[in-house]
N, C-alpha and C. Protein backbone atom coordinates (compact mmCIF):
# COMPACT_ATOMS: atom_id res chain seq x y z
N MET A 1 -1.65 -31.31 -8.67
CA MET A 1 -0.43 -31.62 -7.97
C MET A 1 0.12 -32.96 -8.47
N THR A 2 1.41 -33.09 -8.38
CA THR A 2 1.99 -34.39 -8.70
C THR A 2 1.60 -35.37 -7.59
N PRO A 3 1.58 -36.66 -7.90
CA PRO A 3 1.27 -37.64 -6.85
C PRO A 3 2.23 -37.56 -5.67
N GLU A 4 3.51 -37.28 -5.95
CA GLU A 4 4.50 -37.19 -4.88
C GLU A 4 4.23 -35.99 -3.97
N ALA A 5 3.87 -34.86 -4.56
CA ALA A 5 3.56 -33.67 -3.76
C ALA A 5 2.30 -33.91 -2.94
N ARG A 6 1.30 -34.53 -3.54
CA ARG A 6 0.08 -34.84 -2.81
C ARG A 6 0.37 -35.76 -1.63
N ASP A 7 1.17 -36.80 -1.85
CA ASP A 7 1.50 -37.72 -0.76
C ASP A 7 2.23 -37.00 0.38
N ALA A 8 3.15 -36.13 0.03
CA ALA A 8 3.88 -35.37 1.05
C ALA A 8 2.93 -34.48 1.84
N LEU A 9 1.99 -33.86 1.15
CA LEU A 9 1.03 -32.99 1.82
C LEU A 9 0.09 -33.78 2.73
N VAL A 10 -0.36 -34.93 2.28
CA VAL A 10 -1.21 -35.78 3.12
C VAL A 10 -0.44 -36.24 4.36
N ASP A 11 0.82 -36.61 4.18
CA ASP A 11 1.65 -37.01 5.32
C ASP A 11 1.83 -35.86 6.31
N ALA A 12 2.06 -34.66 5.79
CA ALA A 12 2.21 -33.49 6.67
C ALA A 12 0.93 -33.24 7.46
N ALA A 13 -0.21 -33.37 6.79
CA ALA A 13 -1.49 -33.18 7.48
C ALA A 13 -1.67 -34.22 8.59
N SER A 14 -1.30 -35.45 8.33
CA SER A 14 -1.40 -36.51 9.35
C SER A 14 -0.50 -36.22 10.54
N ARG A 15 0.71 -35.77 10.27
CA ARG A 15 1.64 -35.45 11.36
C ARG A 15 1.14 -34.25 12.17
N LEU A 16 0.58 -33.27 11.49
CA LEU A 16 0.05 -32.11 12.21
C LEU A 16 -1.14 -32.52 13.08
N GLN A 17 -2.01 -33.37 12.55
CA GLN A 17 -3.18 -33.80 13.32
C GLN A 17 -2.79 -34.66 14.52
N ALA A 18 -1.64 -35.29 14.50
CA ALA A 18 -1.17 -36.03 15.67
C ALA A 18 -0.90 -35.07 16.83
N ARG A 19 -0.48 -33.85 16.52
CA ARG A 19 -0.22 -32.82 17.55
C ARG A 19 -1.44 -31.97 17.83
N TYR A 20 -2.20 -31.66 16.80
CA TYR A 20 -3.37 -30.80 16.88
C TYR A 20 -4.53 -31.52 16.19
N PRO A 21 -5.26 -32.37 16.92
CA PRO A 21 -6.29 -33.20 16.27
C PRO A 21 -7.34 -32.42 15.49
N GLU A 22 -7.60 -31.17 15.87
CA GLU A 22 -8.62 -30.39 15.18
C GLU A 22 -8.09 -29.71 13.92
N ALA A 23 -6.79 -29.75 13.71
CA ALA A 23 -6.18 -29.00 12.60
C ALA A 23 -6.49 -29.65 11.26
N ILE A 24 -6.90 -28.83 10.34
CA ILE A 24 -7.12 -29.24 8.95
C ILE A 24 -6.16 -28.43 8.09
N VAL A 25 -5.42 -29.10 7.25
CA VAL A 25 -4.52 -28.40 6.33
C VAL A 25 -5.36 -27.99 5.13
N ARG A 26 -5.47 -26.66 4.93
CA ARG A 26 -6.26 -26.14 3.83
C ARG A 26 -5.34 -25.66 2.72
N PHE A 27 -5.52 -26.23 1.54
CA PHE A 27 -4.70 -25.77 0.43
C PHE A 27 -5.55 -24.88 -0.46
N MET A 28 -4.86 -23.96 -1.09
CA MET A 28 -5.53 -23.03 -1.98
C MET A 28 -5.06 -23.33 -3.40
N ASP A 29 -4.17 -22.54 -3.95
CA ASP A 29 -3.74 -22.77 -5.32
C ASP A 29 -2.65 -23.82 -5.40
N GLY A 30 -2.78 -24.66 -6.40
CA GLY A 30 -1.75 -25.60 -6.77
C GLY A 30 -1.27 -25.20 -8.15
N SER A 31 -1.74 -25.88 -9.15
CA SER A 31 -1.36 -25.58 -10.52
C SER A 31 -2.56 -25.72 -11.43
N GLY A 32 -2.46 -25.10 -12.59
CA GLY A 32 -3.52 -25.22 -13.57
C GLY A 32 -3.39 -26.53 -14.34
N PRO A 33 -4.44 -26.96 -15.00
CA PRO A 33 -4.41 -28.23 -15.72
C PRO A 33 -3.52 -28.23 -16.95
N ASP A 34 -3.14 -27.04 -17.44
CA ASP A 34 -2.34 -26.99 -18.66
C ASP A 34 -0.83 -27.04 -18.40
N GLY A 35 -0.41 -26.96 -17.13
CA GLY A 35 1.00 -27.06 -16.79
C GLY A 35 1.84 -25.85 -17.14
N ILE A 36 1.21 -24.72 -17.43
CA ILE A 36 1.95 -23.52 -17.80
C ILE A 36 2.51 -22.85 -16.55
N VAL A 37 3.81 -22.52 -16.60
CA VAL A 37 4.47 -21.78 -15.53
C VAL A 37 4.87 -20.43 -16.11
N PRO A 38 4.61 -19.31 -15.47
CA PRO A 38 3.89 -19.24 -14.21
C PRO A 38 2.39 -19.42 -14.38
N PHE A 39 1.76 -19.76 -13.29
CA PHE A 39 0.32 -19.96 -13.21
C PHE A 39 -0.26 -18.67 -12.64
N PRO A 40 -0.76 -17.74 -13.50
CA PRO A 40 -1.21 -16.44 -13.01
C PRO A 40 -2.26 -16.56 -11.91
N PRO A 41 -2.19 -15.72 -10.90
CA PRO A 41 -1.32 -14.57 -10.76
C PRO A 41 0.02 -14.89 -10.12
N HIS A 42 0.37 -16.15 -9.99
CA HIS A 42 1.60 -16.55 -9.32
C HIS A 42 2.82 -16.34 -10.19
N LEU A 43 3.97 -16.28 -9.54
CA LEU A 43 5.24 -16.20 -10.26
C LEU A 43 5.80 -17.60 -10.52
N SER A 44 5.15 -18.61 -9.96
CA SER A 44 5.55 -20.00 -10.18
C SER A 44 4.27 -20.83 -10.29
N HIS A 45 4.24 -21.98 -9.67
CA HIS A 45 3.14 -22.93 -9.78
C HIS A 45 3.11 -23.43 -11.22
N GLY A 46 2.13 -24.18 -11.59
CA GLY A 46 2.00 -24.63 -12.97
C GLY A 46 2.56 -26.00 -13.26
N ASP A 47 3.54 -26.48 -12.48
CA ASP A 47 4.11 -27.79 -12.81
C ASP A 47 3.69 -28.89 -11.83
N GLY A 48 2.75 -28.56 -10.94
CA GLY A 48 2.24 -29.55 -10.01
C GLY A 48 3.08 -29.76 -8.77
N ARG A 49 4.12 -28.95 -8.59
CA ARG A 49 5.00 -29.13 -7.44
C ARG A 49 4.94 -27.98 -6.45
N GLN A 50 4.07 -27.02 -6.66
CA GLN A 50 3.90 -25.92 -5.72
C GLN A 50 2.46 -25.89 -5.24
N VAL A 51 2.30 -25.55 -3.98
CA VAL A 51 0.96 -25.42 -3.42
C VAL A 51 1.00 -24.34 -2.34
N ASP A 52 -0.09 -23.61 -2.22
CA ASP A 52 -0.24 -22.61 -1.18
C ASP A 52 -1.17 -23.16 -0.10
N LEU A 53 -0.75 -22.97 1.15
CA LEU A 53 -1.50 -23.47 2.30
C LEU A 53 -1.93 -22.31 3.18
N ALA A 54 -3.11 -22.45 3.79
CA ALA A 54 -3.61 -21.42 4.70
C ALA A 54 -2.85 -21.46 6.02
N LEU A 55 -2.78 -20.31 6.65
CA LEU A 55 -2.24 -20.20 8.01
C LEU A 55 -3.33 -20.57 9.01
N TYR A 56 -2.96 -20.64 10.27
CA TYR A 56 -3.92 -20.92 11.34
C TYR A 56 -4.09 -19.68 12.20
N TYR A 57 -5.30 -19.53 12.75
CA TYR A 57 -5.64 -18.34 13.52
C TYR A 57 -6.34 -18.69 14.82
N THR A 58 -6.29 -17.74 15.74
CA THR A 58 -7.04 -17.83 17.00
C THR A 58 -7.92 -16.59 17.10
N ASP A 59 -8.85 -16.63 18.05
CA ASP A 59 -9.57 -15.40 18.36
C ASP A 59 -8.66 -14.57 19.27
N THR A 60 -9.11 -13.42 19.68
CA THR A 60 -8.25 -12.53 20.46
C THR A 60 -7.94 -13.07 21.85
N GLU A 61 -8.66 -14.10 22.27
CA GLU A 61 -8.39 -14.72 23.57
C GLU A 61 -7.53 -15.97 23.43
N GLY A 62 -7.09 -16.28 22.22
CA GLY A 62 -6.20 -17.41 22.01
C GLY A 62 -6.87 -18.73 21.71
N HIS A 63 -8.18 -18.73 21.53
CA HIS A 63 -8.89 -19.97 21.18
C HIS A 63 -8.76 -20.22 19.69
N PRO A 64 -8.37 -21.44 19.30
CA PRO A 64 -8.22 -21.73 17.87
C PRO A 64 -9.50 -21.51 17.08
N LEU A 65 -9.35 -20.88 15.93
CA LEU A 65 -10.47 -20.75 15.00
C LEU A 65 -10.47 -21.96 14.09
N ALA A 66 -11.64 -22.46 13.79
CA ALA A 66 -11.76 -23.64 12.95
C ALA A 66 -11.52 -23.33 11.48
N ASP A 67 -11.66 -22.06 11.09
CA ASP A 67 -11.52 -21.71 9.69
C ASP A 67 -10.71 -20.43 9.57
N VAL A 68 -10.24 -20.17 8.37
CA VAL A 68 -9.51 -18.94 8.09
C VAL A 68 -10.51 -17.79 8.16
N PRO A 69 -10.23 -16.75 8.95
CA PRO A 69 -11.19 -15.66 9.08
C PRO A 69 -11.23 -14.73 7.87
N ASP A 70 -12.39 -14.16 7.65
CA ASP A 70 -12.55 -13.04 6.72
C ASP A 70 -11.99 -13.31 5.33
N THR A 71 -12.24 -14.49 4.79
CA THR A 71 -11.65 -14.82 3.48
C THR A 71 -12.64 -14.71 2.33
N ARG A 72 -13.86 -14.30 2.60
CA ARG A 72 -14.86 -14.30 1.53
C ARG A 72 -14.42 -13.53 0.29
N ASN A 73 -13.70 -12.45 0.46
CA ASN A 73 -13.30 -11.64 -0.69
C ASN A 73 -11.85 -11.87 -1.11
N TRP A 74 -11.16 -12.76 -0.44
CA TRP A 74 -9.74 -12.92 -0.71
C TRP A 74 -9.38 -14.35 -1.12
N GLY A 75 -10.33 -15.27 -1.13
CA GLY A 75 -10.05 -16.63 -1.57
C GLY A 75 -9.05 -17.37 -0.72
N GLY A 76 -8.91 -16.99 0.55
CA GLY A 76 -7.96 -17.66 1.44
C GLY A 76 -6.64 -16.93 1.56
N TYR A 77 -6.36 -15.99 0.65
CA TYR A 77 -5.10 -15.27 0.70
C TYR A 77 -5.22 -14.01 1.54
N TRP A 78 -5.82 -14.16 2.62
CA TRP A 78 -6.02 -13.06 3.55
C TRP A 78 -6.62 -13.66 4.78
N PRO A 79 -6.35 -13.24 5.96
CA PRO A 79 -5.69 -12.01 6.35
C PRO A 79 -4.18 -12.20 6.51
N ALA A 80 -3.47 -11.14 6.27
CA ALA A 80 -2.02 -11.15 6.49
C ALA A 80 -1.73 -11.05 7.98
N GLU A 81 -0.57 -11.50 8.36
CA GLU A 81 -0.09 -11.34 9.74
C GLU A 81 1.09 -10.40 9.67
N PRO A 82 0.86 -9.11 9.93
CA PRO A 82 1.93 -8.13 9.76
C PRO A 82 3.01 -8.29 10.82
N PRO A 83 4.17 -7.70 10.57
CA PRO A 83 5.23 -7.73 11.58
C PRO A 83 4.77 -7.07 12.87
N LEU A 84 5.19 -7.63 13.98
CA LEU A 84 4.95 -7.02 15.28
C LEU A 84 5.97 -5.90 15.47
N PRO A 85 5.72 -4.98 16.38
CA PRO A 85 6.72 -3.93 16.63
C PRO A 85 8.09 -4.54 16.91
N GLY A 86 9.10 -4.03 16.19
CA GLY A 86 10.45 -4.52 16.36
C GLY A 86 10.82 -5.68 15.44
N GLU A 87 9.84 -6.28 14.74
CA GLU A 87 10.15 -7.36 13.82
C GLU A 87 10.56 -6.80 12.46
N ARG A 88 11.28 -7.59 11.72
CA ARG A 88 11.80 -7.23 10.40
C ARG A 88 10.65 -6.90 9.43
N VAL A 89 10.77 -5.79 8.74
CA VAL A 89 9.84 -5.43 7.66
C VAL A 89 10.57 -5.75 6.36
N ALA A 90 10.06 -6.73 5.64
CA ALA A 90 10.77 -7.24 4.48
C ALA A 90 10.86 -6.22 3.34
N CYS A 91 9.80 -5.49 3.11
CA CYS A 91 9.76 -4.57 1.97
C CYS A 91 9.33 -3.19 2.47
N PRO A 92 10.23 -2.45 3.11
CA PRO A 92 9.83 -1.16 3.68
C PRO A 92 9.33 -0.16 2.64
N GLU A 93 9.74 -0.32 1.37
CA GLU A 93 9.26 0.57 0.31
C GLU A 93 7.99 0.04 -0.34
N GLY A 94 7.48 -1.08 0.14
CA GLY A 94 6.27 -1.66 -0.41
C GLY A 94 6.55 -2.66 -1.52
N ARG A 95 5.50 -3.14 -2.11
CA ARG A 95 5.57 -4.12 -3.20
C ARG A 95 4.86 -3.52 -4.41
N SER A 96 5.15 -4.08 -5.54
CA SER A 96 4.56 -3.52 -6.75
C SER A 96 3.25 -4.21 -7.10
N GLY A 97 2.36 -3.44 -7.68
CA GLY A 97 1.12 -3.95 -8.25
C GLY A 97 0.29 -4.81 -7.32
N ARG A 98 -0.13 -5.96 -7.84
CA ARG A 98 -1.01 -6.86 -7.10
C ARG A 98 -0.33 -7.49 -5.89
N ALA A 99 1.00 -7.42 -5.82
CA ALA A 99 1.71 -8.01 -4.69
C ALA A 99 1.50 -7.19 -3.42
N GLU A 100 1.10 -5.94 -3.56
CA GLU A 100 0.88 -5.07 -2.40
C GLU A 100 -0.49 -5.34 -1.79
N LYS A 101 -0.51 -5.55 -0.49
CA LYS A 101 -1.76 -5.71 0.24
C LYS A 101 -1.65 -4.91 1.53
N PRO A 102 -2.74 -4.35 1.97
CA PRO A 102 -2.67 -3.60 3.23
C PRO A 102 -2.62 -4.55 4.43
N ASP A 103 -2.08 -4.06 5.52
CA ASP A 103 -2.15 -4.81 6.77
C ASP A 103 -3.59 -4.84 7.24
N PRO A 104 -3.98 -5.89 7.96
CA PRO A 104 -5.34 -5.90 8.52
C PRO A 104 -5.44 -4.87 9.64
N PRO A 105 -6.64 -4.48 10.01
CA PRO A 105 -6.77 -3.49 11.08
C PRO A 105 -6.26 -4.05 12.41
N SER A 106 -5.72 -3.18 13.24
CA SER A 106 -5.17 -3.63 14.53
C SER A 106 -6.25 -4.16 15.46
N ASP A 107 -7.50 -3.75 15.26
CA ASP A 107 -8.59 -4.23 16.12
C ASP A 107 -9.28 -5.47 15.54
N ARG A 108 -8.62 -6.17 14.65
CA ARG A 108 -9.21 -7.37 14.03
C ARG A 108 -9.53 -8.41 15.10
N PRO A 109 -10.54 -9.23 14.89
CA PRO A 109 -10.94 -10.21 15.90
C PRO A 109 -10.18 -11.53 15.81
N TRP A 110 -9.07 -11.60 15.10
CA TRP A 110 -8.27 -12.80 14.98
C TRP A 110 -6.79 -12.46 15.15
N ARG A 111 -6.02 -13.48 15.44
CA ARG A 111 -4.57 -13.37 15.51
C ARG A 111 -3.98 -14.64 14.90
N LEU A 112 -2.75 -14.55 14.45
CA LEU A 112 -2.08 -15.73 13.94
C LEU A 112 -1.92 -16.74 15.07
N ASP A 113 -2.20 -17.99 14.79
CA ASP A 113 -1.93 -19.07 15.73
C ASP A 113 -0.49 -19.51 15.47
N ASN A 114 0.43 -18.94 16.24
CA ASN A 114 1.84 -19.22 16.03
C ASN A 114 2.16 -20.70 16.21
N GLY A 115 1.53 -21.35 17.19
CA GLY A 115 1.84 -22.75 17.47
C GLY A 115 1.50 -23.68 16.33
N ARG A 116 0.26 -23.63 15.85
CA ARG A 116 -0.14 -24.52 14.77
C ARG A 116 0.57 -24.18 13.46
N THR A 117 0.72 -22.88 13.17
CA THR A 117 1.36 -22.48 11.92
C THR A 117 2.83 -22.87 11.93
N LYS A 118 3.53 -22.61 13.05
CA LYS A 118 4.94 -23.00 13.15
C LYS A 118 5.09 -24.52 13.03
N ALA A 119 4.21 -25.27 13.69
CA ALA A 119 4.28 -26.74 13.63
C ALA A 119 4.16 -27.22 12.20
N LEU A 120 3.23 -26.65 11.43
CA LEU A 120 3.08 -27.06 10.03
C LEU A 120 4.35 -26.76 9.24
N VAL A 121 4.92 -25.58 9.42
CA VAL A 121 6.15 -25.23 8.70
C VAL A 121 7.27 -26.19 9.10
N GLU A 122 7.41 -26.49 10.38
CA GLU A 122 8.46 -27.41 10.83
C GLU A 122 8.28 -28.81 10.25
N ILE A 123 7.05 -29.28 10.19
CA ILE A 123 6.78 -30.59 9.60
C ILE A 123 7.16 -30.59 8.13
N LEU A 124 6.81 -29.53 7.43
CA LEU A 124 7.11 -29.45 6.00
C LEU A 124 8.62 -29.42 5.75
N ILE A 125 9.35 -28.61 6.47
CA ILE A 125 10.79 -28.48 6.19
C ILE A 125 11.58 -29.71 6.64
N ALA A 126 10.98 -30.54 7.50
CA ALA A 126 11.64 -31.79 7.90
C ALA A 126 11.47 -32.89 6.87
N ASP A 127 10.59 -32.68 5.90
CA ASP A 127 10.28 -33.69 4.89
C ASP A 127 11.25 -33.56 3.72
N ASP A 128 11.91 -34.66 3.37
CA ASP A 128 12.86 -34.65 2.26
C ASP A 128 12.21 -34.37 0.91
N ARG A 129 10.90 -34.51 0.82
CA ARG A 129 10.20 -34.26 -0.43
C ARG A 129 9.92 -32.77 -0.63
N VAL A 130 10.15 -31.96 0.40
CA VAL A 130 9.93 -30.52 0.32
C VAL A 130 11.24 -29.83 -0.04
N ARG A 131 11.19 -29.06 -1.10
CA ARG A 131 12.37 -28.33 -1.57
C ARG A 131 12.56 -27.04 -0.79
N ARG A 132 11.46 -26.27 -0.63
CA ARG A 132 11.53 -24.99 0.09
C ARG A 132 10.14 -24.55 0.49
N VAL A 133 10.12 -23.63 1.45
CA VAL A 133 8.88 -23.05 1.96
C VAL A 133 9.09 -21.53 1.99
N PHE A 134 8.16 -20.81 1.36
CA PHE A 134 8.22 -19.35 1.39
C PHE A 134 7.32 -18.82 2.49
N ILE A 135 7.91 -18.04 3.40
CA ILE A 135 7.17 -17.24 4.37
C ILE A 135 7.91 -15.91 4.50
N GLU A 136 7.24 -14.93 5.08
CA GLU A 136 7.87 -13.63 5.25
C GLU A 136 8.95 -13.70 6.34
N PRO A 137 9.99 -12.87 6.21
CA PRO A 137 11.08 -12.90 7.18
C PRO A 137 10.65 -12.70 8.63
N HIS A 138 9.63 -11.87 8.88
CA HIS A 138 9.23 -11.68 10.28
C HIS A 138 8.65 -12.97 10.87
N LEU A 139 7.99 -13.78 10.06
CA LEU A 139 7.49 -15.07 10.56
C LEU A 139 8.63 -16.07 10.69
N GLU A 140 9.56 -16.04 9.77
CA GLU A 140 10.73 -16.92 9.86
C GLU A 140 11.47 -16.67 11.18
N GLU A 141 11.64 -15.40 11.55
CA GLU A 141 12.30 -15.07 12.81
C GLU A 141 11.42 -15.42 14.01
N ARG A 142 10.14 -15.08 13.93
CA ARG A 142 9.21 -15.35 15.03
C ARG A 142 9.15 -16.83 15.35
N PHE A 143 9.22 -17.67 14.32
CA PHE A 143 9.14 -19.12 14.52
C PHE A 143 10.50 -19.74 14.87
N GLY A 144 11.54 -18.93 14.95
CA GLY A 144 12.86 -19.45 15.29
C GLY A 144 13.50 -20.25 14.16
N LEU A 145 13.15 -19.92 12.93
CA LEU A 145 13.65 -20.67 11.78
C LEU A 145 14.60 -19.85 10.90
N TRP A 146 15.05 -18.71 11.42
CA TRP A 146 15.89 -17.83 10.62
C TRP A 146 17.14 -18.58 10.17
N GLY A 147 17.39 -18.54 8.86
CA GLY A 147 18.57 -19.16 8.30
C GLY A 147 18.40 -20.61 7.92
N HIS A 148 17.24 -21.20 8.17
CA HIS A 148 17.04 -22.59 7.75
C HIS A 148 17.12 -22.66 6.23
N SER A 149 17.82 -23.66 5.74
CA SER A 149 18.09 -23.72 4.30
C SER A 149 16.84 -23.87 3.44
N LYS A 150 15.75 -24.39 3.99
CA LYS A 150 14.53 -24.56 3.19
C LYS A 150 13.54 -23.40 3.35
N VAL A 151 13.75 -22.52 4.30
CA VAL A 151 12.82 -21.42 4.52
C VAL A 151 13.35 -20.21 3.78
N ARG A 152 12.53 -19.66 2.91
CA ARG A 152 12.98 -18.58 2.02
C ARG A 152 12.00 -17.41 2.01
N PHE A 153 12.53 -16.28 1.59
CA PHE A 153 11.74 -15.08 1.32
C PHE A 153 11.56 -15.00 -0.19
N ALA A 154 10.33 -14.83 -0.66
CA ALA A 154 10.06 -14.81 -2.10
C ALA A 154 10.46 -13.51 -2.77
N GLY A 155 10.70 -12.46 -2.00
CA GLY A 155 11.12 -11.18 -2.56
C GLY A 155 9.98 -10.18 -2.63
N CYS A 156 10.34 -8.94 -2.82
CA CYS A 156 9.36 -7.86 -2.82
C CYS A 156 8.53 -7.78 -4.09
N GLN A 157 8.92 -8.52 -5.15
CA GLN A 157 8.13 -8.57 -6.37
C GLN A 157 7.00 -9.58 -6.26
N ALA A 158 7.06 -10.44 -5.24
CA ALA A 158 6.07 -11.50 -5.06
C ALA A 158 5.02 -11.08 -4.04
N ALA A 159 3.91 -11.79 -4.05
CA ALA A 159 2.87 -11.56 -3.05
C ALA A 159 3.42 -11.81 -1.66
N ARG A 160 2.79 -11.19 -0.69
CA ARG A 160 3.18 -11.41 0.70
C ARG A 160 2.97 -12.88 1.06
N HIS A 161 3.88 -13.41 1.83
CA HIS A 161 3.76 -14.77 2.33
C HIS A 161 3.62 -14.73 3.85
N ASP A 162 2.81 -13.78 4.32
CA ASP A 162 2.38 -13.77 5.72
C ASP A 162 0.86 -13.90 5.77
N ASP A 163 0.28 -14.32 4.66
CA ASP A 163 -1.14 -14.67 4.63
C ASP A 163 -1.32 -16.09 4.11
N HIS A 164 -0.23 -16.74 3.73
CA HIS A 164 -0.26 -18.13 3.34
C HIS A 164 1.17 -18.66 3.33
N ILE A 165 1.28 -19.98 3.26
CA ILE A 165 2.58 -20.66 3.16
C ILE A 165 2.67 -21.21 1.74
N HIS A 166 3.75 -20.94 1.07
CA HIS A 166 3.99 -21.50 -0.26
C HIS A 166 4.97 -22.65 -0.08
N VAL A 167 4.59 -23.83 -0.56
CA VAL A 167 5.45 -25.01 -0.45
C VAL A 167 5.83 -25.47 -1.85
N ASP A 168 7.11 -25.71 -2.02
CA ASP A 168 7.67 -26.17 -3.29
C ASP A 168 8.24 -27.57 -3.05
N PHE A 169 7.66 -28.55 -3.72
CA PHE A 169 8.09 -29.94 -3.56
C PHE A 169 9.09 -30.31 -4.66
N PHE A 170 9.93 -31.30 -4.39
CA PHE A 170 10.84 -31.84 -5.40
C PHE A 170 10.06 -32.60 -6.44
């Protein structure tokens, strides 16, 4: 990551911990050391200004989970938080190739922690060093951020962004 992107991410983590002291901002992919864009399997990354962050989860009773559930085989890019009944389905015809992932089972023992995840997105989009944040449209609507100039949909050719947050820094 660039020093500026790192500083912005550290600041976001500090602001989130002021609201949720137990919250840890977990980052996954940033960029490769060679600076090549795209940074496979991503459609971007590579220049040190993009980073993927984990979402937050609760158990089925609403207690915060300390870690991302069930990630042993997915490297943090799972589990997805599918649209709830009546929410927008971004790609009703599906996605191509590796971008397609199945929804988790309905009886899964975790749920998205809307409060912590929304707070992180709000902190990020309030920062002038953040260019844009990719999340799926159903989460954008669920969080009350529909139409915000920094919140974007990556498109049906890209991986789902309901299992992580993609942040693009200036």
